[in-house]
């Protein structure tokens, strides 16, 4: 069975977690929202995924930047400022006695509607804010063996159709891409932009390594990824040539290394794309990936240490 970057090690502690819903911490079995909620009816909302290290959400400021920018773009009033939302996240962690190995899903929808209809003006209450913390670690096998990608027919669209910069609840295009990929026996979908250049994956960002250089897409047709930006940052800080540019599948198939990035699993190797094995299929054949993984872990530690010093 194919396994993607978001597959995780089951943890029995998740059965008894407390979930934050609009100011209350509720047991998992009692945590629910209305069938009239905008998120359920229409996927009307924005969200973030956060990784918790040493009791702190890594890169929290960048995640909140993206959340509030997305909410403003769709005229969604979260009803909480950054300080209050940050406090809610920490309250949720403390309520669950969580420190490490935790992934948070922070979701904000437009709230309850008086009838199932798309017009935002039929909402009758404030936004719905949900924080789900779970003990989640990536499957070690996935991190070791790497991923198989399959290029799907579903394209990343133009921003005048649905802006890919929005981290919205409406992810049907990515879900369709995911279905096509796993039906083909792959772990994740590689998606092209409207011009046929490589854009991103259905739930992660995509990078290749060619002749010592790290390449990723232009970024025009993908979400502004936090981990993606951090990888580019550590490349620049450590003298590694990194480029945001257009490139085709031909250049992917002949790459020395490839990897995907995401908040949950960090940097995950890619072994093959469309049946083409990239470079060496062995772990020792990934020198750039190993270096970047180490640098990324160090960046996380610096970020959470700085946050801890501010507490």
C-alpha atoms as a PDB file:
ATOM      1  CA  UNK A   1       0.000   0.000   0.000  1.00  0.00           C
ATOM      2  CA  UNK A   2       1.285   3.447  -0.892  1.00  0.00           C
ATOM      3  CA  UNK A   3       2.118   5.682   2.067  1.00  0.00           C
ATOM      4  CA  UNK A   4       2.361   9.438   1.860  1.00  0.00           C
ATOM      5  CA  UNK A   5       4.167  12.030   3.915  1.00  0.00           C
ATOM      6  CA  UNK A   6       1.224  12.438   6.284  1.00  0.00           C
ATOM      7  CA  UNK A   7       0.973   8.786   7.321  1.00  0.00           C
ATOM      8  CA  UNK A   8       1.831   8.510  10.992  1.00  0.00           C
ATOM      9  CA  UNK A   9       2.553   6.177  13.861  1.00  0.00           C
ATOM     10  CA  UNK A  10      -0.680   5.447  15.764  1.00  0.00           C
ATOM     11  CA  UNK A  11      -0.553   6.682  19.352  1.00  0.00           C
ATOM     12  CA  UNK A  12      -3.158   5.456  21.883  1.00  0.00           C
ATOM     13  CA  UNK A  13      -2.910   8.770  23.776  1.00  0.00           C
ATOM     14  CA  UNK A  14      -4.884  10.427  20.972  1.00  0.00           C
ATOM     15  CA  UNK A  15      -8.070   8.691  22.159  1.00  0.00           C
ATOM     16  CA  UNK A  16      -8.217  10.954  25.207  1.00  0.00           C
ATOM     17  CA  UNK A  17      -7.104  14.315  23.806  1.00  0.00           C
ATOM     18  CA  UNK A  18      -8.963  17.540  24.508  1.00  0.00           C
ATOM     19  CA  UNK A  19      -9.951  19.603  21.466  1.00  0.00           C
ATOM     20  CA  UNK A  20     -10.414  23.362  21.514  1.00  0.00           C
ATOM     21  CA  UNK A  21     -13.683  24.634  20.036  1.00  0.00           C
ATOM     22  CA  UNK A  22     -14.528  28.311  20.460  1.00  0.00           C
ATOM     23  CA  UNK A  23     -12.919  28.690  23.867  1.00  0.00           C
ATOM     24  CA  UNK A  24     -13.820  25.296  25.346  1.00  0.00           C
ATOM     25  CA  UNK A  25     -11.644  22.196  25.684  1.00  0.00           C
ATOM     26  CA  UNK A  26     -13.769  19.149  24.911  1.00  0.00           C
ATOM     27  CA  UNK A  27     -13.040  15.397  24.960  1.00  0.00           C
ATOM     28  CA  UNK A  28     -12.479  13.961  21.507  1.00  0.00           C
ATOM     29  CA  UNK A  29     -15.769  12.033  21.503  1.00  0.00           C
ATOM     30  CA  UNK A  30     -17.742  15.196  22.320  1.00  0.00           C
ATOM     31  CA  UNK A  31     -15.908  17.607  20.030  1.00  0.00           C
ATOM     32  CA  UNK A  32     -18.175  18.540  17.125  1.00  0.00           C
ATOM     33  CA  UNK A  33     -19.459  21.442  15.069  1.00  0.00           C
ATOM     34  CA  UNK A  34     -22.894  22.070  13.590  1.00  0.00           C
ATOM     35  CA  UNK A  35     -23.994  20.610  10.264  1.00  0.00           C
ATOM     36  CA  UNK A  36     -24.788  24.243   9.420  1.00  0.00           C
ATOM     37  CA  UNK A  37     -21.173  25.309   9.925  1.00  0.00           C
ATOM     38  CA  UNK A  38     -19.691  27.046   6.886  1.00  0.00           C
ATOM     39  CA  UNK A  39     -16.718  24.689   6.888  1.00  0.00           C
ATOM     40  CA  UNK A  40     -18.957  21.639   6.641  1.00  0.00           C
ATOM     41  CA  UNK A  41     -21.462  23.133   4.202  1.00  0.00           C
ATOM     42  CA  UNK A  42     -19.001  24.725   1.774  1.00  0.00           C
ATOM     43  CA  UNK A  43     -15.410  24.322   2.926  1.00  0.00           C
ATOM     44  CA  UNK A  44     -15.475  28.045   3.720  1.00  0.00           C
ATOM     45  CA  UNK A  45     -12.484  28.674   5.938  1.00  0.00           C
ATOM     46  CA  UNK A  46      -8.716  28.724   6.358  1.00  0.00           C
ATOM     47  CA  UNK A  47      -6.386  26.480   8.325  1.00  0.00           C
ATOM     48  CA  UNK A  48      -2.816  25.809   9.421  1.00  0.00           C
ATOM     49  CA  UNK A  49      -0.806  22.767  10.458  1.00  0.00           C
ATOM     50  CA  UNK A  50       1.765  23.293  13.221  1.00  0.00           C
ATOM     51  CA  UNK A  51       4.543  21.102  14.583  1.00  0.00           C
ATOM     52  CA  UNK A  52       5.208  21.281  18.338  1.00  0.00           C
ATOM     53  CA  UNK A  53       8.783  20.941  19.598  1.00  0.00           C
ATOM     54  CA  UNK A  54       9.818  21.398  23.252  1.00  0.00           C
ATOM     55  CA  UNK A  55       6.366  22.725  24.063  1.00  0.00           C
ATOM     56  CA  UNK A  56       6.333  25.378  21.329  1.00  0.00           C
ATOM     57  CA  UNK A  57       4.741  25.470  17.861  1.00  0.00           C
ATOM     58  CA  UNK A  58       7.647  25.857  15.429  1.00  0.00           C
ATOM     59  CA  UNK A  59       7.562  28.943  13.182  1.00  0.00           C
ATOM     60  CA  UNK A  60       4.299  30.088  14.778  1.00  0.00           C
ATOM     61  CA  UNK A  61       4.654  33.687  13.567  1.00  0.00           C
ATOM     62  CA  UNK A  62       4.919  32.613   9.931  1.00  0.00           C
ATOM     63  CA  UNK A  63       1.908  30.326  10.278  1.00  0.00           C
ATOM     64  CA  UNK A  64      -0.200  33.046  11.863  1.00  0.00           C
ATOM     65  CA  UNK A  65       0.874  35.475   9.130  1.00  0.00           C
ATOM     66  CA  UNK A  66      -0.458  33.071   6.513  1.00  0.00           C
ATOM     67  CA  UNK A  67      -3.662  32.355   8.444  1.00  0.00           C
ATOM     68  CA  UNK A  68      -4.578  36.003   8.957  1.00  0.00           C
ATOM     69  CA  UNK A  69      -3.642  36.942   5.389  1.00  0.00           C
ATOM     70  CA  UNK A  70      -5.873  34.158   4.072  1.00  0.00           C
ATOM     71  CA  UNK A  71      -8.743  35.170   6.352  1.00  0.00           C
ATOM     72  CA  UNK A  72      -8.491  38.784   5.207  1.00  0.00           C
ATOM     73  CA  UNK A  73      -8.451  37.705   1.568  1.00  0.00           C
ATOM     74  CA  UNK A  74     -11.818  35.956   1.967  1.00  0.00           C
ATOM     75  CA  UNK A  75     -13.259  38.637   4.295  1.00  0.00           C
ATOM     76  CA  UNK A  76     -13.405  36.233   7.249  1.00  0.00           C
ATOM     77  CA  UNK A  77     -13.338  37.816  10.705  1.00  0.00           C
ATOM     78  CA  UNK A  78     -11.534  35.321  12.954  1.00  0.00           C
ATOM     79  CA  UNK A  79     -12.825  37.148  16.013  1.00  0.00           C
ATOM     80  CA  UNK A  80      -9.476  36.815  17.808  1.00  0.00           C
ATOM     81  CA  UNK A  81      -6.232  38.704  17.403  1.00  0.00           C
ATOM     82  CA  UNK A  82      -2.843  36.999  17.091  1.00  0.00           C
ATOM     83  CA  UNK A  83      -2.157  37.154  20.813  1.00  0.00           C
ATOM     84  CA  UNK A  84      -5.487  35.570  21.700  1.00  0.00           C
ATOM     85  CA  UNK A  85      -5.100  32.847  19.086  1.00  0.00           C
ATOM     86  CA  UNK A  86      -1.545  32.102  20.245  1.00  0.00           C
ATOM     87  CA  UNK A  87      -2.804  31.892  23.833  1.00  0.00           C
ATOM     88  CA  UNK A  88      -5.528  29.459  22.756  1.00  0.00           C
ATOM     89  CA  UNK A  89      -2.910  27.217  21.131  1.00  0.00           C
ATOM     90  CA  UNK A  90      -0.764  27.188  24.273  1.00  0.00           C
ATOM     91  CA  UNK A  91      -3.823  26.645  26.484  1.00  0.00           C
ATOM     92  CA  UNK A  92      -4.714  23.618  24.370  1.00  0.00           C
ATOM     93  CA  UNK A  93      -1.202  22.195  24.697  1.00  0.00           C
ATOM     94  CA  UNK A  94      -1.173  22.751  28.454  1.00  0.00           C
ATOM     95  CA  UNK A  95      -4.628  21.232  28.815  1.00  0.00           C
ATOM     96  CA  UNK A  96      -3.292  18.090  27.141  1.00  0.00           C
ATOM     97  CA  UNK A  97       0.125  18.158  28.893  1.00  0.00           C
ATOM     98  CA  UNK A  98       1.795  18.052  25.484  1.00  0.00           C
ATOM     99  CA  UNK A  99       5.437  18.883  24.797  1.00  0.00           C
ATOM    100  CA  UNK A 100       6.858  16.964  21.824  1.00  0.00           C
ATOM    101  CA  UNK A 101       5.869  14.761  18.916  1.00  0.00           C
ATOM    102  CA  UNK A 102       2.674  16.762  18.476  1.00  0.00           C
ATOM    103  CA  UNK A 103       0.961  18.050  15.345  1.00  0.00           C
ATOM    104  CA  UNK A 104      -1.746  20.711  15.574  1.00  0.00           C
ATOM    105  CA  UNK A 105      -4.504  21.358  13.080  1.00  0.00           C
ATOM    106  CA  UNK A 106      -5.778  24.922  13.528  1.00  0.00           C
ATOM    107  CA  UNK A 107      -9.004  25.544  11.620  1.00  0.00           C
ATOM    108  CA  UNK A 108     -11.151  28.653  11.262  1.00  0.00           C
ATOM    109  CA  UNK A 109     -14.451  28.681   9.395  1.00  0.00           C
ATOM    110  CA  UNK A 110     -16.931  31.481   8.774  1.00  0.00           C
ATOM    111  CA  UNK A 111     -19.267  30.004  11.375  1.00  0.00           C
ATOM    112  CA  UNK A 112     -22.885  28.871  11.522  1.00  0.00           C
ATOM    113  CA  UNK A 113     -25.320  29.542   8.675  1.00  0.00           C
ATOM    114  CA  UNK A 114     -29.062  29.847   9.144  1.00  0.00           C
ATOM    115  CA  UNK A 115     -29.526  27.798   5.974  1.00  0.00           C
ATOM    116  CA  UNK A 116     -27.173  25.796   3.718  1.00  0.00           C
ATOM    117  CA  UNK A 117     -26.282  28.473   1.158  1.00  0.00           C
ATOM    118  CA  UNK A 118     -23.028  29.935  -0.090  1.00  0.00           C
ATOM    119  CA  UNK A 119     -23.647  33.649   0.572  1.00  0.00           C
ATOM    120  CA  UNK A 120     -21.469  34.633   3.561  1.00  0.00           C
ATOM    121  CA  UNK A 121     -24.177  37.037   4.710  1.00  0.00           C
ATOM    122  CA  UNK A 122     -26.399  34.168   5.873  1.00  0.00           C
ATOM    123  CA  UNK A 123     -23.984  33.409   8.715  1.00  0.00           C
ATOM    124  CA  UNK A 124     -25.667  34.025  12.075  1.00  0.00           C
ATOM    125  CA  UNK A 125     -22.761  33.861  14.478  1.00  0.00           C
ATOM    126  CA  UNK A 126     -19.033  34.353  14.912  1.00  0.00           C
ATOM    127  CA  UNK A 127     -16.298  32.325  13.261  1.00  0.00           C
ATOM    128  CA  UNK A 128     -15.711  28.753  14.401  1.00  0.00           C
ATOM    129  CA  UNK A 129     -12.175  28.200  15.741  1.00  0.00           C
ATOM    130  CA  UNK A 130     -10.988  24.611  16.241  1.00  0.00           C
ATOM    131  CA  UNK A 131      -7.591  23.429  17.496  1.00  0.00           C
ATOM    132  CA  UNK A 132      -6.889  19.692  17.274  1.00  0.00           C
ATOM    133  CA  UNK A 133      -3.604  18.572  18.870  1.00  0.00           C
ATOM    134  CA  UNK A 134      -2.501  14.991  18.278  1.00  0.00           C
ATOM    135  CA  UNK A 135       0.540  12.915  19.059  1.00  0.00           C
ATOM    136  CA  UNK A 136       1.827  12.289  15.547  1.00  0.00           C
ATOM    137  CA  UNK A 137       5.191  11.246  14.203  1.00  0.00           C
ATOM    138  CA  UNK A 138       5.900  10.368  10.568  1.00  0.00           C
ATOM    139  CA  UNK A 139       6.320   6.694   9.726  1.00  0.00           C
ATOM    140  CA  UNK A 140      10.067   5.939   9.930  1.00  0.00           C
ATOM    141  CA  UNK A 141       9.802   3.689   6.875  1.00  0.00           C
ATOM    142  CA  UNK A 142       8.559   6.571   4.730  1.00  0.00           C
ATOM    143  CA  UNK A 143      11.407   8.831   5.862  1.00  0.00           C
ATOM    144  CA  UNK A 144      13.955   6.090   5.155  1.00  0.00           C
ATOM    145  CA  UNK A 145      12.813   4.619   1.852  1.00  0.00           C
ATOM    146  CA  UNK A 146      11.481   7.817   0.275  1.00  0.00           C
ATOM    147  CA  UNK A 147       8.402   8.426  -1.853  1.00  0.00           C
ATOM    148  CA  UNK A 148       7.049   7.478  -5.238  1.00  0.00           C
ATOM    149  CA  UNK A 149       5.434  10.374  -7.084  1.00  0.00           C
ATOM    150  CA  UNK A 150       3.093  10.266 -10.054  1.00  0.00           C
ATOM    151  CA  UNK A 151       2.388  13.238 -12.310  1.00  0.00           C
ATOM    152  CA  UNK A 152      -1.374  13.732 -12.487  1.00  0.00           C
ATOM    153  CA  UNK A 153      -3.580  15.442 -15.033  1.00  0.00           C
ATOM    154  CA  UNK A 154      -5.040  17.828 -12.415  1.00  0.00           C
ATOM    155  CA  UNK A 155      -3.265  21.163 -12.786  1.00  0.00           C
ATOM    156  CA  UNK A 156      -2.606  23.931 -10.319  1.00  0.00           C
ATOM    157  CA  UNK A 157      -4.897  26.722 -11.453  1.00  0.00           C
ATOM    158  CA  UNK A 158      -4.647  30.404 -12.170  1.00  0.00           C
ATOM    159  CA  UNK A 159      -5.221  32.745  -9.221  1.00  0.00           C
ATOM    160  CA  UNK A 160      -8.322  34.198 -10.871  1.00  0.00           C
ATOM    161  CA  UNK A 161      -9.991  30.769 -10.611  1.00  0.00           C
ATOM    162  CA  UNK A 162      -8.942  29.808  -7.073  1.00  0.00           C
ATOM    163  CA  UNK A 163      -5.804  31.424  -5.776  1.00  0.00           C
ATOM    164  CA  UNK A 164      -3.331  28.665  -4.820  1.00  0.00           C
ATOM    165  CA  UNK A 165      -1.865  31.050  -2.225  1.00  0.00           C
ATOM    166  CA  UNK A 166      -4.998  30.525  -0.106  1.00  0.00           C
ATOM    167  CA  UNK A 167      -4.691  27.744   2.456  1.00  0.00           C
ATOM    168  CA  UNK A 168      -8.430  27.212   2.313  1.00  0.00           C
ATOM    169  CA  UNK A 169     -10.592  24.315   3.444  1.00  0.00           C
ATOM    170  CA  UNK A 170     -11.600  23.861  -0.197  1.00  0.00           C
ATOM    171  CA  UNK A 171      -9.029  21.300  -1.366  1.00  0.00           C
ATOM    172  CA  UNK A 172     -11.005  19.259  -3.886  1.00  0.00           C
ATOM    173  CA  UNK A 173      -8.468  19.748  -6.678  1.00  0.00           C
ATOM    174  CA  UNK A 174      -5.712  18.373  -4.417  1.00  0.00           C
ATOM    175  CA  UNK A 175      -7.951  15.515  -3.281  1.00  0.00           C
ATOM    176  CA  UNK A 176      -8.637  14.593  -6.900  1.00  0.00           C
ATOM    177  CA  UNK A 177      -4.894  14.656  -7.590  1.00  0.00           C
ATOM    178  CA  UNK A 178      -4.252  12.474  -4.545  1.00  0.00           C
ATOM    179  CA  UNK A 179      -6.820   9.917  -5.724  1.00  0.00           C
ATOM    180  CA  UNK A 180      -5.226   9.714  -9.156  1.00  0.00           C
ATOM    181  CA  UNK A 181      -1.777   9.243  -7.601  1.00  0.00           C
ATOM    182  CA  UNK A 182      -2.660   6.454  -5.190  1.00  0.00           C
ATOM    183  CA  UNK A 183      -4.768   4.731  -7.838  1.00  0.00           C
ATOM    184  CA  UNK A 184      -1.577   4.636  -9.915  1.00  0.00           C
ATOM    185  CA  UNK A 185       0.311   3.086  -6.981  1.00  0.00           C
ATOM    186  CA  UNK A 186       2.185   6.226  -5.958  1.00  0.00           C
ATOM    187  CA  UNK A 187       2.491   7.920  -2.573  1.00  0.00           C
ATOM    188  CA  UNK A 188       1.688  11.431  -3.669  1.00  0.00           C
ATOM    189  CA  UNK A 189       0.755  13.450  -6.733  1.00  0.00           C
ATOM    190  CA  UNK A 190       3.119  15.745  -8.603  1.00  0.00           C
ATOM    191  CA  UNK A 191       1.117  18.607 -10.110  1.00  0.00           C
ATOM    192  CA  UNK A 192       2.034  20.836 -13.057  1.00  0.00           C
ATOM    193  CA  UNK A 193       1.127  24.475 -13.548  1.00  0.00           C
ATOM    194  CA  UNK A 194      -1.088  25.677 -16.441  1.00  0.00           C
ATOM    195  CA  UNK A 195       2.018  25.984 -18.668  1.00  0.00           C
ATOM    196  CA  UNK A 196       3.249  22.441 -18.072  1.00  0.00           C
ATOM    197  CA  UNK A 197       6.044  23.291 -15.642  1.00  0.00           C
ATOM    198  CA  UNK A 198       6.365  21.495 -12.316  1.00  0.00           C
ATOM    199  CA  UNK A 199       4.411  23.312  -9.592  1.00  0.00           C
ATOM    200  CA  UNK A 200       3.991  21.337  -6.380  1.00  0.00           C
ATOM    201  CA  UNK A 201       2.572  18.145  -4.887  1.00  0.00           C
ATOM    202  CA  UNK A 202      -0.962  17.640  -3.668  1.00  0.00           C
ATOM    203  CA  UNK A 203      -0.019  18.168   0.002  1.00  0.00           C
ATOM    204  CA  UNK A 204       3.683  19.090   0.013  1.00  0.00           C
ATOM    205  CA  UNK A 205       6.178  21.200  -1.921  1.00  0.00           C
ATOM    206  CA  UNK A 206       8.607  19.664  -4.385  1.00  0.00           C
ATOM    207  CA  UNK A 207      12.363  20.197  -4.826  1.00  0.00           C
ATOM    208  CA  UNK A 208      15.041  18.660  -7.021  1.00  0.00           C
ATOM    209  CA  UNK A 209      18.827  18.711  -6.779  1.00  0.00           C
ATOM    210  CA  UNK A 210      20.864  19.062  -9.970  1.00  0.00           C
ATOM    211  CA  UNK A 211      24.647  19.400 -10.029  1.00  0.00           C
ATOM    212  CA  UNK A 212      24.784  20.715  -6.486  1.00  0.00           C
ATOM    213  CA  UNK A 213      21.954  23.224  -6.956  1.00  0.00           C
ATOM    214  CA  UNK A 214      18.564  23.052  -5.233  1.00  0.00           C
ATOM    215  CA  UNK A 215      15.586  23.901  -7.454  1.00  0.00           C
ATOM    216  CA  UNK A 216      11.948  24.438  -6.630  1.00  0.00           C
ATOM    217  CA  UNK A 217       9.127  25.891  -8.676  1.00  0.00           C
ATOM    218  CA  UNK A 218       8.660  29.598  -9.325  1.00  0.00           C
ATOM    219  CA  UNK A 219       6.047  29.580  -6.559  1.00  0.00           C
ATOM    220  CA  UNK A 220       3.468  31.263  -8.787  1.00  0.00           C
ATOM    221  CA  UNK A 221       1.060  28.327  -8.616  1.00  0.00           C
ATOM    222  CA  UNK A 222       1.582  26.905  -5.151  1.00  0.00           C
ATOM    223  CA  UNK A 223       0.840  27.743  -1.561  1.00  0.00           C
ATOM    224  CA  UNK A 224       3.402  29.902   0.194  1.00  0.00           C
ATOM    225  CA  UNK A 225       4.850  26.971   2.125  1.00  0.00           C
ATOM    226  CA  UNK A 226       6.456  27.653   5.512  1.00  0.00           C
ATOM    227  CA  UNK A 227       8.856  24.702   5.270  1.00  0.00           C
ATOM    228  CA  UNK A 228       9.537  25.536   1.622  1.00  0.00           C
ATOM    229  CA  UNK A 229      10.579  29.061   2.617  1.00  0.00           C
ATOM    230  CA  UNK A 230      12.695  27.714   5.464  1.00  0.00           C
ATOM    231  CA  UNK A 231      14.577  25.375   3.126  1.00  0.00           C
ATOM    232  CA  UNK A 232      15.338  28.273   0.803  1.00  0.00           C
ATOM    233  CA  UNK A 233      16.490  30.293   3.817  1.00  0.00           C
ATOM    234  CA  UNK A 234      18.894  27.644   5.089  1.00  0.00           C
ATOM    235  CA  UNK A 235      20.293  27.200   1.592  1.00  0.00           C
ATOM    236  CA  UNK A 236      21.060  30.914   1.340  1.00  0.00           C
ATOM    237  CA  UNK A 237      22.524  30.983   4.860  1.00  0.00           C
ATOM    238  CA  UNK A 238      24.841  28.052   4.159  1.00  0.00           C
ATOM    239  CA  UNK A 239      26.116  28.873   0.684  1.00  0.00           C
ATOM    240  CA  UNK A 240      23.951  26.314  -1.138  1.00  0.00           C
ATOM    241  CA  UNK A 241      22.769  27.530  -4.540  1.00  0.00           C
ATOM    242  CA  UNK A 242      18.958  27.533  -4.476  1.00  0.00           C
ATOM    243  CA  UNK A 243      16.701  28.677  -7.270  1.00  0.00           C
ATOM    244  CA  UNK A 244      12.970  29.325  -7.651  1.00  0.00           C
ATOM    245  CA  UNK A 245      12.428  28.743 -11.349  1.00  0.00           C
ATOM    246  CA  UNK A 246      10.399  27.013 -14.030  1.00  0.00           C
ATOM    247  CA  UNK A 247      11.519  23.486 -14.874  1.00  0.00           C
ATOM    248  CA  UNK A 248       9.984  20.577 -16.720  1.00  0.00           C
ATOM    249  CA  UNK A 249       9.518  16.880 -16.049  1.00  0.00           C
ATOM    250  CA  UNK A 250      12.501  16.155 -18.298  1.00  0.00           C
ATOM    251  CA  UNK A 251      14.711  17.965 -15.775  1.00  0.00           C
ATOM    252  CA  UNK A 252      13.020  16.116 -12.915  1.00  0.00           C
ATOM    253  CA  UNK A 253      13.659  12.673 -14.404  1.00  0.00           C
ATOM    254  CA  UNK A 254      17.406  13.363 -14.649  1.00  0.00           C
ATOM    255  CA  UNK A 255      17.757  14.961 -11.202  1.00  0.00           C
ATOM    256  CA  UNK A 256      20.427  13.751  -8.788  1.00  0.00           C
ATOM    257  CA  UNK A 257      18.072  13.937  -5.804  1.00  0.00           C
ATOM    258  CA  UNK A 258      14.518  15.043  -5.074  1.00  0.00           C
ATOM    259  CA  UNK A 259      12.502  15.685  -1.944  1.00  0.00           C
ATOM    260  CA  UNK A 260       9.262  17.138  -0.683  1.00  0.00           C
ATOM    261  CA  UNK A 261       8.718  19.490   2.242  1.00  0.00           C
ATOM    262  CA  UNK A 262       5.916  19.999   4.716  1.00  0.00           C
ATOM    263  CA  UNK A 263       5.279  21.009   8.298  1.00  0.00           C
ATOM    264  CA  UNK A 264       4.441  17.480   9.441  1.00  0.00           C
ATOM    265  CA  UNK A 265       7.387  15.453   8.151  1.00  0.00           C
ATOM    266  CA  UNK A 266       9.939  18.140   7.294  1.00  0.00           C
ATOM    267  CA  UNK A 267      12.099  17.013   4.350  1.00  0.00           C
ATOM    268  CA  UNK A 268      11.201  13.631   2.864  1.00  0.00           C
ATOM    269  CA  UNK A 269      13.232  12.018   0.047  1.00  0.00           C
ATOM    270  CA  UNK A 270      11.652  11.158  -3.299  1.00  0.00           C
ATOM    271  CA  UNK A 271      12.953   7.980  -4.902  1.00  0.00           C
ATOM    272  CA  UNK A 272      11.049   7.968  -8.175  1.00  0.00           C
ATOM    273  CA  UNK A 273       8.761  10.053 -10.347  1.00  0.00           C
ATOM    274  CA  UNK A 274       6.560   8.373 -12.948  1.00  0.00           C
ATOM    275  CA  UNK A 275       8.625   5.193 -12.639  1.00  0.00           C
ATOM    276  CA  UNK A 276      11.980   6.933 -13.191  1.00  0.00           C
ATOM    277  CA  UNK A 277      14.414   6.279 -10.355  1.00  0.00           C
ATOM    278  CA  UNK A 278      16.165   9.510  -9.373  1.00  0.00           C
ATOM    279  CA  UNK A 279      19.901   9.279  -8.754  1.00  0.00           C
ATOM    280  CA  UNK A 280      20.657   6.489  -6.309  1.00  0.00           C
ATOM    281  CA  UNK A 281      17.769   4.724  -4.617  1.00  0.00           C
ATOM    282  CA  UNK A 282      19.975   4.164  -1.568  1.00  0.00           C
ATOM    283  CA  UNK A 283      19.986   6.474   1.447  1.00  0.00           C
ATOM    284  CA  UNK A 284      23.729   7.133   1.084  1.00  0.00           C
ATOM    285  CA  UNK A 285      23.000   8.583  -2.347  1.00  0.00           C
ATOM    286  CA  UNK A 286      21.219  11.606  -0.826  1.00  0.00           C
ATOM    287  CA  UNK A 287      24.025  13.867   0.420  1.00  0.00           C
ATOM    288  CA  UNK A 288      22.170  17.142  -0.158  1.00  0.00           C
ATOM    289  CA  UNK A 289      18.985  15.866   1.476  1.00  0.00           C
ATOM    290  CA  UNK A 290      20.885  14.674   4.530  1.00  0.00           C
ATOM    291  CA  UNK A 291      22.619  18.040   4.844  1.00  0.00           C
ATOM    292  CA  UNK A 292      19.379  19.986   4.505  1.00  0.00           C
ATOM    293  CA  UNK A 293      17.582  17.750   6.999  1.00  0.00           C
ATOM    294  CA  UNK A 294      20.272  18.495   9.569  1.00  0.00           C
ATOM    295  CA  UNK A 295      20.158  22.232   8.873  1.00  0.00           C
ATOM    296  CA  UNK A 296      16.373  22.242   9.067  1.00  0.00           C
ATOM    297  CA  UNK A 297      16.362  20.501  12.453  1.00  0.00           C
ATOM    298  CA  UNK A 298      18.836  23.092  13.715  1.00  0.00           C
ATOM    299  CA  UNK A 299      16.594  25.907  12.429  1.00  0.00           C
ATOM    300  CA  UNK A 300      13.606  24.456  14.298  1.00  0.00           C
ATOM    301  CA  UNK A 301      15.618  24.291  17.508  1.00  0.00           C
ATOM    302  CA  UNK A 302      16.674  27.933  17.124  1.00  0.00           C
ATOM    303  CA  UNK A 303      13.089  29.026  16.524  1.00  0.00           C
ATOM    304  CA  UNK A 304      11.569  27.227  19.512  1.00  0.00           C
ATOM    305  CA  UNK A 305      14.476  28.280  21.752  1.00  0.00           C
ATOM    306  CA  UNK A 306      13.824  31.907  20.870  1.00  0.00           C
ATOM    307  CA  UNK A 307      10.103  31.453  21.548  1.00  0.00           C
ATOM    308  CA  UNK A 308      10.884  29.847  24.883  1.00  0.00           C
ATOM    309  CA  UNK A 309      13.140  32.766  25.809  1.00  0.00           C
ATOM    310  CA  UNK A 310      10.229  35.163  25.157  1.00  0.00           C
ATOM    311  CA  UNK A 311       7.816  33.217  27.373  1.00  0.00           C
END
